[in-house]
Amino acid sequence: MDNITASELAGFGVGTLLLCATIAAPKIDAFISASQRSSLGMCKRCGNMKIIACIECKGIGLVKKGGLIGFNLVDDLYKTLGGDELKGKQTYCTKCRARGI
């Protein structure tokens, strides 16, 4: 890259802006939806659906044995991408009594 032209520099700038917008989109969407819900007098988290996923089991109803020690990023990513449940010891969630909500 000996000499960068103005159009190449502008292309890099636009690409950077698009990348930043893509990364920030979920947070901006959550902020806008929360403000709309509050202006309508609705619950900011659930939108008056009265169904919020359990924090411990993330709505599944099962938790891995071991608590924080049993945390494995690869297993969670695999499950998020639609893979079958990996073999491991799981118990029913005690916080939501295995209902997921």
Protein backbone atom coordinates (compact mmCIF):
# COMPACT_ATOMS: atom_id res chain seq x y z
CA MET A 1 0.00 0.00 0.00
CA ASP A 2 2.25 2.74 -1.25
CA ASN A 3 -0.31 5.43 -1.89
CA ILE A 4 -3.87 5.40 -0.64
CA THR A 5 -6.31 7.38 -2.72
CA ALA A 6 -9.10 9.47 -1.28
CA SER A 7 -11.76 7.02 -2.48
CA GLU A 8 -9.98 4.10 -0.79
CA LEU A 9 -9.71 6.08 2.43
CA ALA A 10 -13.41 6.92 2.23
CA GLY A 11 -14.17 3.23 1.64
CA PHE A 12 -12.23 2.26 4.76
CA GLY A 13 -14.11 4.92 6.74
CA VAL A 14 -17.52 3.75 5.52
CA GLY A 15 -16.58 0.13 6.23
CA THR A 16 -15.54 1.05 9.76
CA LEU A 17 -18.80 2.90 10.35
CA LEU A 18 -20.83 -0.08 9.07
CA LEU A 19 -18.91 -2.47 11.32
CA CYS A 20 -19.49 -0.25 14.36
CA ALA A 21 -23.19 0.10 13.53
CA THR A 22 -23.54 -3.68 13.21
CA ILE A 23 -21.91 -4.28 16.58
CA ALA A 24 -23.97 -1.57 18.34
CA ALA A 25 -27.34 -2.46 16.75
CA PRO A 26 -28.64 -4.83 19.51
CA LYS A 27 -27.93 -2.32 22.28
CA ILE A 28 -29.52 0.53 20.33
CA ASP A 29 -32.58 -1.63 19.60
CA ALA A 30 -32.92 -2.58 23.28
CA PHE A 31 -32.67 1.08 24.31
CA ILE A 32 -35.33 2.19 21.79
CA SER A 33 -37.73 -0.62 22.71
CA ALA A 34 -37.34 0.09 26.44
CA SER A 35 -38.06 3.78 25.91
CA GLN A 36 -41.12 2.99 23.79
CA ARG A 37 -42.41 0.57 26.40
CA SER A 38 -41.96 3.11 29.19
CA SER A 39 -43.73 5.82 27.21
CA LEU A 40 -46.66 3.43 26.71
CA GLY A 41 -46.71 2.57 30.43
CA MET A 42 -45.57 -1.02 29.89
CA CYS A 43 -42.97 -3.08 31.72
CA LYS A 44 -39.52 -2.21 30.35
CA ARG A 45 -38.24 -5.79 30.44
CA CYS A 46 -41.14 -7.95 29.27
CA GLY A 47 -43.54 -5.51 27.59
CA ASN A 48 -46.45 -6.66 29.80
CA MET A 49 -46.07 -10.24 28.58
CA LYS A 50 -45.36 -11.21 32.21
CA ILE A 51 -43.00 -13.92 30.97
CA ILE A 52 -39.32 -13.33 31.62
CA ALA A 53 -36.82 -16.15 31.21
CA CYS A 54 -35.18 -17.40 34.38
CA ILE A 55 -31.71 -15.93 34.90
CA GLU A 56 -30.19 -19.19 36.14
CA CYS A 57 -31.32 -21.57 33.37
CA LYS A 58 -32.01 -18.96 30.63
CA GLY A 59 -35.52 -20.36 30.10
CA ILE A 60 -34.46 -23.96 29.52
CA GLY A 61 -35.34 -25.38 32.94
CA LEU A 62 -32.05 -27.25 33.35
CA VAL A 63 -28.75 -26.12 34.82
CA LYS A 64 -25.34 -27.77 34.76
CA LYS A 65 -24.10 -29.21 38.00
CA GLY A 66 -21.20 -27.37 39.51
CA GLY A 67 -22.53 -23.80 39.29
CA LEU A 68 -19.91 -21.35 38.06
CA ILE A 69 -17.25 -24.06 37.90
CA GLY A 70 -19.39 -25.94 35.35
CA PHE A 71 -19.43 -22.92 33.03
CA ASN A 72 -18.09 -23.75 29.59
CA LEU A 73 -18.24 -21.19 26.80
CA VAL A 74 -17.88 -23.78 24.03
CA ASP A 75 -20.86 -25.82 25.28
CA ASP A 76 -23.05 -22.72 25.54
CA LEU A 77 -22.03 -21.54 22.07
CA TYR A 78 -22.69 -24.99 20.60
CA LYS A 79 -26.14 -25.08 22.17
CA THR A 80 -26.91 -21.53 21.00
CA LEU A 81 -26.06 -22.39 17.40
CA GLY A 82 -28.67 -25.16 17.41
CA GLY A 83 -26.57 -28.19 18.29
CA ASP A 84 -27.94 -31.08 20.28
CA GLU A 85 -27.46 -31.10 24.01
CA LEU A 86 -23.94 -32.14 24.92
CA LYS A 87 -23.57 -34.96 27.38
CA GLY A 88 -23.11 -33.70 30.89
CA LYS A 89 -24.69 -33.77 34.30
CA GLN A 90 -27.65 -31.45 34.50
CA THR A 91 -30.26 -30.89 37.17
CA TYR A 92 -33.57 -29.12 37.23
CA CYS A 93 -33.39 -25.42 37.99
CA THR A 94 -34.29 -24.73 41.62
CA LYS A 95 -34.87 -21.02 41.11
CA CYS A 96 -37.78 -21.38 38.64
CA ARG A 97 -38.63 -25.00 39.60
CA ALA A 98 -37.80 -26.17 36.04
CA ARG A 99 -40.50 -24.02 34.43
CA GLY A 100 -38.06 -21.74 32.63
CA ILE A 101 -39.88 -18.55 33.66
